[in-house]
């Protein structure tokens, strides 16, 4: 299950991502705002992060204007590794090396077609499981 979250600037891109997920038969829960009325991205980042922390969802996708604010908000949560990606190479690398559990994107930065390819790459790339990467991920959880 994929958790989706967005603020008002990410609403239109989220709808396109939902269309992609529907076309692939991928289940999701929508924690984002439902229109373009001004909203606050931390609320949606936290909702998606909590769904992952509680294991209701395996991964998440967050969208705001740049992807920056919403990824910062998500990364404040224990166990969340949100990666801001605007290209397929980064989406693949963050899954392989960082076992990122949230993809963040900026609706004002990236086009719909490219965003869908990034989502596809993120969702289809498995964590490498290499010991060096596991050790580094564990270091992220240290206080």
Foldseek 3Di string as FASTA:
>chain_A
DEEEEEFLQCQVLVVLLVVLCVVVVHDYDYQYDNHNDGDDLLSRLVVRLVCCVVPVDQAYEYEYAAQVVNQVSNLVDAPAAEDEDQAQVSLQCCQQQVVHRYYTGHSNPHDNVRVNVNVVSNVPHHHNPDPVSVVVNVVSNDD
